Amino acid sequence: MITLYQNIIPFFIRKYIRSIFYLIRYFPLHFSYLINIIFNQQKNNYLYNLAIMAIIKNEGQYLKEWIEYHKIVGVSKFIIYDNESDDNTKDILMPYIENGIVDYTWYPGYIMQRKANNHAIKKWRNKVKYLAIIDADEFIVPVKYNNILEVLNEIETETKKNKKEFVGLIIKWVMFGYNGHYLKPNGLVTENFTKSDGIARLYKCIINPRMVVNFRIHSGNYIFNYFAVDENGNVFINAKEPSNSTINKIRINHYWTKSYEEFKVKHSKGSATRGKRKWNMPEYDPTYFSHNDDKIIEKFIPSLKQGMYSND
C-alpha cells in the first residue's frame, strides 16, 4: 500500500500535502514555537550543546555503560524520564543526578513515551542546542569522527549550504541480536554483542528542539515545512519511507535483544507504543540478528572501561 501510494503521488506533492495537513492540525503549536524562536533570548547561548532524552523502565543494570559511553562521544546532559521502574535505576542514576549530569523525572502512566518526548522538547528547547531522543538500548556511534557534535556540525553546515534549515538528523539503526548468547554474559554490552544484521529500515533522531512542534517515537513534525535529513542530506518525511541512507558518518547500534534470557525479560515488559500488548517472542536462534561481524564501536571501549571502573 505504501509503495503504491509513493509510486502514484510524486514525492514533492506528498511533501507539501503532509506539510499543509500538519500546519492545520498543529497550528497553535506552530504559532507557539514561532513566537519562541522570535523572542528567544538565549539564541546560541545554550547550557548544553548535546543532550540525550530517554524514557526508561527497569534499565538500571545497563544505564552506567550507556551514560559513560555517550559522555565519551560528546553528550553533556542526560534527561531521564522514569516510567515506574522498580529495580535499582534510581540508585544507579543518583551519582549522576547529584553532579548535574542527569536530570531525573519520575513519569508514571500507561504508554507514556510520546508524552515524555514532547514534554522534554518543550522544557529543554531553549537550554540545549541539539537533543537526541533514543532508548537505553541504543548507542549513537560517530563513524567518521570520534564525537557526535563534529558529525552534526558538518551535516548542518552542508544542509545550510544547500539553503535548507537544519531541523533534525535521521540516524539509521543497526540491529544487534543474540550473538550466540542464551544466558546473560558478564561484562559490557558493547563488548559482548559484536554481530549485527546491518542497516535497518527504522531510525531515531537528533533534533533542533526549537523547530519541533510534535514528536512521535522515531520522527517529528517540524515547523513550517521543514524536514529532517539523513547523513547525506536526503529529506525524510515518513518513518516508513524506503531510503538509500548510509551509515558512513553516524549510526545507532541498537542492542535489540542482548541475550535470549534478557530478551525474554524485555518481552515481558510489553511495548512502549502498545503497552502490555506484546510482539511474538521468537525461538532461540544463536544467529538471530547476528550474521555479520560488527565491531565499529570497539575504538571507544578502552575509554569506556576507564569511565566505568575508575570510581569502583
Protein backbone atom coordinates (compact mmCIF):
# COMPACT_ATOMS: atom_id res chain seq x y z
CA MET A 1 0.00 0.00 0.00
CA ILE A 2 2.77 2.45 0.92
CA THR A 3 4.77 1.60 -2.22
CA LEU A 4 1.69 2.09 -4.39
CA TYR A 5 0.97 5.42 -2.69
CA GLN A 6 4.56 6.52 -3.31
CA ASN A 7 4.54 5.46 -6.94
CA ILE A 8 1.29 7.28 -7.77
CA ILE A 9 1.92 10.57 -5.94
CA PRO A 10 5.29 12.28 -6.59
CA PHE A 11 7.48 12.99 -3.59
CA PHE A 12 7.29 16.79 -3.74
CA ILE A 13 3.48 16.67 -3.80
CA ARG A 14 3.35 14.25 -0.85
CA LYS A 15 5.75 16.51 0.98
CA TYR A 16 3.59 19.61 0.64
CA ILE A 17 0.30 17.79 1.30
CA ARG A 18 1.78 16.48 4.52
CA SER A 19 3.09 19.94 5.45
CA ILE A 20 -0.31 21.59 4.96
CA PHE A 21 -2.06 18.85 6.94
CA TYR A 22 0.27 19.21 9.90
CA LEU A 23 0.24 23.00 9.74
CA ILE A 24 -3.54 22.94 10.13
CA ARG A 25 -3.56 20.16 12.72
CA TYR A 26 -0.87 21.73 14.91
CA PHE A 27 -1.47 25.40 14.15
CA PRO A 28 -1.45 26.53 17.83
CA LEU A 29 1.85 24.71 18.36
CA HIS A 30 3.33 26.23 15.21
CA PHE A 31 2.36 29.66 16.47
CA SER A 32 3.79 28.96 19.93
CA TYR A 33 7.09 27.73 18.53
CA LEU A 34 7.35 30.65 16.11
CA ILE A 35 6.90 33.11 18.98
CA ASN A 36 9.58 31.23 20.93
CA ILE A 37 12.02 31.47 18.01
CA ILE A 38 11.40 35.18 17.57
CA PHE A 39 11.67 36.12 21.23
CA ASN A 40 14.11 33.51 22.47
CA GLN A 41 16.72 35.48 24.37
CA GLN A 42 19.14 32.53 24.64
CA LYS A 43 19.95 32.14 20.97
CA ASN A 44 23.35 30.49 20.53
CA ASN A 45 23.86 30.59 24.29
CA TYR A 46 22.81 27.12 25.33
CA LEU A 47 23.54 25.38 28.61
CA TYR A 48 24.38 22.17 26.73
CA ASN A 49 25.42 21.59 23.13
CA LEU A 50 24.18 17.99 23.05
CA ALA A 51 21.74 16.23 25.37
CA ILE A 52 20.02 12.85 25.27
CA MET A 53 16.43 12.30 26.32
CA ALA A 54 15.12 8.81 27.12
CA ILE A 55 12.16 7.28 28.90
CA ILE A 56 13.17 4.12 30.72
CA LYS A 57 11.75 1.29 32.79
CA ASN A 58 13.88 -1.17 34.75
CA GLU A 59 17.07 -0.49 32.82
CA GLY A 60 19.25 0.01 35.91
CA GLN A 61 21.84 -2.65 35.14
CA TYR A 62 22.59 -1.08 31.74
CA LEU A 63 22.48 2.64 32.50
CA LYS A 64 26.03 3.25 33.67
CA GLU A 65 27.54 1.85 30.47
CA TRP A 66 25.03 3.78 28.35
CA ILE A 67 25.77 7.08 30.11
CA GLU A 68 29.55 6.66 30.28
CA TYR A 69 29.69 5.72 26.60
CA HIS A 70 27.70 8.75 25.47
CA LYS A 71 29.79 11.07 27.63
CA ILE A 72 32.82 9.93 25.61
CA VAL A 73 31.18 10.81 22.28
CA GLY A 74 30.10 14.30 23.27
CA VAL A 75 26.87 14.16 25.29
CA SER A 76 26.91 16.54 28.28
CA LYS A 77 23.36 16.15 29.64
CA PHE A 78 21.01 13.20 30.10
CA ILE A 79 17.28 13.85 30.51
CA ILE A 80 15.76 10.73 32.02
CA TYR A 81 12.04 10.02 32.43
CA ASP A 82 11.46 7.01 34.69
CA ASN A 83 8.27 5.15 33.83
CA GLU A 84 7.71 3.34 37.15
CA SER A 85 10.98 1.42 37.46
CA ASP A 86 11.11 -0.92 40.45
CA ASP A 87 14.73 -2.05 40.07
CA ASN A 88 17.93 -0.18 41.04
CA THR A 89 17.53 2.54 38.38
CA LYS A 90 17.39 5.44 40.87
CA ASP A 91 20.43 4.14 42.80
CA ILE A 92 22.50 3.87 39.61
CA LEU A 93 21.47 7.34 38.49
CA MET A 94 21.91 9.08 41.85
CA PRO A 95 25.64 9.99 41.46
CA TYR A 96 24.87 11.46 38.03
CA ILE A 97 21.85 13.32 39.38
CA GLU A 98 23.91 14.79 42.22
CA ASN A 99 26.65 16.05 39.90
CA GLY A 100 24.16 17.53 37.43
CA ILE A 101 24.78 15.19 34.50
CA VAL A 102 21.32 13.61 34.76
CA ASP A 103 18.00 15.42 35.04
CA TYR A 104 15.61 12.83 36.51
CA THR A 105 11.80 12.86 36.31
CA TRP A 106 9.50 10.21 37.75
CA TYR A 107 6.94 9.73 34.97
CA PRO A 108 4.29 7.11 35.77
CA GLY A 109 1.47 6.10 33.49
CA TYR A 110 0.49 3.92 30.55
CA ILE A 111 2.06 4.30 27.08
CA MET A 112 3.94 7.47 28.07
CA GLN A 113 6.83 7.59 25.60
CA ARG A 114 5.33 10.08 23.18
CA LYS A 115 4.13 12.33 26.02
CA ALA A 116 7.56 12.24 27.62
CA ASN A 117 9.27 13.10 24.33
CA ASN A 118 7.16 16.20 23.80
CA HIS A 119 7.35 17.26 27.45
CA ALA A 120 11.15 17.14 27.28
CA ILE A 121 11.32 19.05 24.00
CA LYS A 122 9.21 21.90 25.33
CA LYS A 123 11.06 22.04 28.67
CA TRP A 124 14.57 21.95 27.21
CA ARG A 125 14.17 23.60 23.81
CA ASN A 126 15.99 26.80 24.80
CA LYS A 127 18.57 25.09 27.01
CA VAL A 128 20.11 22.55 24.62
CA LYS A 129 21.34 23.09 21.07
CA TYR A 130 20.79 19.51 19.93
CA LEU A 131 18.59 16.87 21.56
CA ALA A 132 18.86 13.16 20.79
CA ILE A 133 15.75 11.12 21.52
CA ILE A 134 16.71 7.47 21.90
CA ASP A 135 16.27 4.46 24.20
CA ALA A 136 18.62 2.89 26.71
CA ASP A 137 19.43 0.00 24.34
CA GLU A 138 20.58 2.39 21.62
CA PHE A 139 24.13 3.73 21.31
CA ILE A 140 24.86 6.59 18.91
CA VAL A 141 28.15 5.82 17.16
CA PRO A 142 30.04 8.55 15.28
CA VAL A 143 31.84 6.76 12.46
CA LYS A 144 33.65 9.49 10.57
CA TYR A 145 34.75 11.32 13.73
CA ASN A 146 35.01 10.39 17.39
CA ASN A 147 32.47 12.95 18.54
CA ILE A 148 28.79 13.27 17.64
CA LEU A 149 28.99 17.08 17.60
CA GLU A 150 31.60 17.01 14.84
CA VAL A 151 29.22 14.96 12.68
CA LEU A 152 26.30 17.26 13.47
CA ASN A 153 28.28 20.39 12.70
CA GLU A 154 29.42 19.00 9.34
CA ILE A 155 25.92 17.94 8.29
CA GLU A 156 24.34 21.19 9.48
CA THR A 157 26.92 23.19 7.51
CA GLU A 158 26.25 21.18 4.35
CA THR A 159 22.49 21.49 4.84
CA LYS A 160 22.68 25.28 5.09
CA LYS A 161 24.96 25.45 2.04
CA ASN A 162 22.06 23.89 0.16
CA LYS A 163 19.79 26.63 1.52
CA LYS A 164 17.90 24.31 3.83
CA GLU A 165 17.19 24.73 7.53
CA PHE A 166 18.77 22.03 9.70
CA VAL A 167 15.98 20.83 12.00
CA GLY A 168 16.98 17.25 12.65
CA LEU A 169 19.29 14.40 11.74
CA ILE A 170 17.94 10.96 10.91
CA ILE A 171 20.29 8.24 12.19
CA LYS A 172 19.72 4.72 10.95
CA TRP A 173 19.56 1.71 13.24
CA VAL A 174 21.98 -1.18 13.00
CA MET A 175 20.30 -4.16 14.65
CA PHE A 176 22.21 -6.42 17.04
CA GLY A 177 20.89 -9.80 18.21
CA TYR A 178 21.84 -12.68 20.50
CA ASN A 179 25.43 -13.02 19.27
CA GLY A 180 25.23 -16.66 20.37
CA HIS A 181 24.35 -15.81 23.98
CA TYR A 182 21.46 -17.74 25.50
CA LEU A 183 22.21 -16.55 29.04
CA LYS A 184 23.22 -13.03 30.05
CA PRO A 185 27.03 -12.80 29.80
CA ASN A 186 29.23 -10.87 32.21
CA GLY A 187 30.83 -7.64 31.05
CA LEU A 188 29.82 -4.76 28.80
CA VAL A 189 27.01 -4.88 26.28
CA THR A 190 29.24 -3.15 23.73
CA GLU A 191 31.91 -5.85 24.15
CA ASN A 192 29.65 -8.91 24.28
CA PHE A 193 27.48 -8.16 21.27
CA THR A 194 29.62 -7.70 18.19
CA LYS A 195 27.45 -9.24 15.46
CA SER A 196 24.66 -7.40 13.71
CA ASP A 197 22.34 -7.69 10.73
CA GLY A 198 23.42 -4.38 9.26
CA ILE A 199 21.45 -1.24 8.48
CA ALA A 200 17.75 -1.38 9.33
CA ARG A 201 14.73 0.41 7.90
CA LEU A 202 13.92 2.42 11.03
CA TYR A 203 15.90 5.15 12.75
CA LYS A 204 15.99 7.67 15.58
CA CYS A 205 16.68 11.40 15.54
CA ILE A 206 18.85 14.16 16.88
CA ILE A 207 16.76 17.30 16.66
CA ASN A 208 16.86 21.05 16.98
CA PRO A 209 14.20 21.20 19.73
CA ARG A 210 13.21 24.76 18.86
CA MET A 211 11.93 23.57 15.48
CA VAL A 212 9.79 20.58 16.54
CA VAL A 213 6.07 21.06 17.07
CA ASN A 214 5.23 17.41 17.70
CA PHE A 215 7.39 14.33 18.13
CA ARG A 216 6.34 10.71 18.00
CA ILE A 217 8.72 7.81 18.64
CA HIS A 218 11.02 7.82 15.63
CA SER A 219 10.38 11.15 13.96
CA GLY A 220 8.85 14.58 14.36
CA ASN A 221 6.80 17.26 12.69
CA TYR A 222 8.90 20.37 12.24
CA ILE A 223 7.81 23.96 11.99
CA PHE A 224 6.69 25.34 8.62
CA ASN A 225 7.52 22.73 6.01
CA TYR A 226 10.95 21.75 7.30
CA PHE A 227 12.13 18.15 7.28
CA ALA A 228 14.93 16.21 8.91
CA VAL A 229 17.76 14.88 6.77
CA ASP A 230 20.00 11.83 6.86
CA GLU A 231 23.79 11.96 6.84
CA ASN A 232 23.78 12.56 3.07
CA GLY A 233 21.28 15.42 3.22
CA ASN A 234 18.36 13.30 1.96
CA VAL A 235 14.99 14.52 3.23
CA PHE A 236 12.78 12.18 5.25
CA ILE A 237 9.04 12.74 5.54
CA ASN A 238 7.86 9.41 6.90
CA ALA A 239 9.40 6.68 9.06
CA LYS A 240 8.02 4.07 6.66
CA GLU A 241 9.61 5.58 3.57
CA PRO A 242 12.23 3.37 1.91
CA SER A 243 15.55 5.11 1.55
CA ASN A 244 19.11 4.80 0.32
CA SER A 245 20.55 6.12 3.58
CA THR A 246 24.06 5.12 4.59
CA ILE A 247 25.89 4.73 7.90
CA ASN A 248 29.28 6.08 6.87
CA LYS A 249 29.21 9.11 9.18
CA ILE A 250 26.95 8.13 12.08
CA ARG A 251 24.75 5.24 13.14
CA ILE A 252 22.83 3.82 16.09
CA ASN A 253 23.85 0.44 17.43
CA HIS A 254 20.51 -0.95 18.58
CA TYR A 255 21.12 -3.79 21.02
CA TRP A 256 17.60 -5.03 20.42
CA THR A 257 17.76 -8.41 22.14
CA LYS A 258 21.04 -8.77 24.03
CA SER A 259 20.99 -12.43 25.19
CA TYR A 260 17.92 -14.64 24.82
CA GLU A 261 17.49 -14.55 28.59
CA GLU A 262 17.49 -10.74 28.60
CA PHE A 263 15.19 -10.57 25.59
CA LYS A 264 12.56 -12.62 27.43
CA VAL A 265 12.64 -10.07 30.25
CA LYS A 266 12.30 -7.23 27.73
CA HIS A 267 9.41 -9.04 26.06
CA SER A 268 7.58 -9.37 29.38
CA LYS A 269 7.54 -5.56 29.80
CA GLY A 270 5.49 -5.05 26.63
CA SER A 271 5.82 -2.30 24.06
CA ALA A 272 6.42 1.41 24.54
CA THR A 273 3.75 2.17 21.94
CA ARG A 274 1.32 -0.70 22.53
CA GLY A 275 1.56 -1.02 26.29
CA LYS A 276 1.17 -4.55 27.62
CA ARG A 277 0.34 -5.97 24.22
CA LYS A 278 3.42 -7.99 23.30
CA TRP A 279 5.04 -8.90 20.00
CA ASN A 280 5.76 -12.52 19.11
CA MET A 281 8.75 -13.86 21.02
CA PRO A 282 10.99 -15.81 18.58
CA GLU A 283 12.53 -19.15 19.46
CA TYR A 284 16.20 -19.12 20.34
CA ASP A 285 18.47 -18.97 17.31
CA PRO A 286 22.10 -18.05 18.13
CA THR A 287 22.38 -16.15 14.83
CA TYR A 288 19.21 -14.07 15.33
CA PHE A 289 20.10 -10.54 14.11
CA SER A 290 23.73 -11.66 14.40
CA HIS A 291 25.02 -12.65 10.98
CA ASN A 292 27.76 -10.05 10.42
CA ASP A 293 30.85 -9.19 12.43
CA ASP A 294 30.41 -5.62 13.58
CA LYS A 295 32.99 -4.01 15.87
CA ILE A 296 32.60 -0.40 14.81
CA ILE A 297 32.16 0.69 18.43
CA GLU A 298 35.33 -1.10 19.53
CA LYS A 299 37.51 2.03 19.30
CA PHE A 300 35.62 3.57 22.24
CA ILE A 301 35.81 0.59 24.60
CA PRO A 302 39.17 1.42 26.31
CA SER A 303 37.89 4.88 27.27
CA LEU A 304 34.53 3.37 28.22
CA LYS A 305 36.14 0.89 30.59
CA GLN A 306 38.15 3.65 32.18
CA GLY A 307 34.98 5.62 32.81
CA MET A 308 33.06 2.57 34.01
CA TYR A 309 35.56 1.36 36.54
CA SER A 310 37.57 4.44 37.59
CA ASN A 311 35.39 5.03 40.64
CA ASP A 312 34.91 1.37 41.61
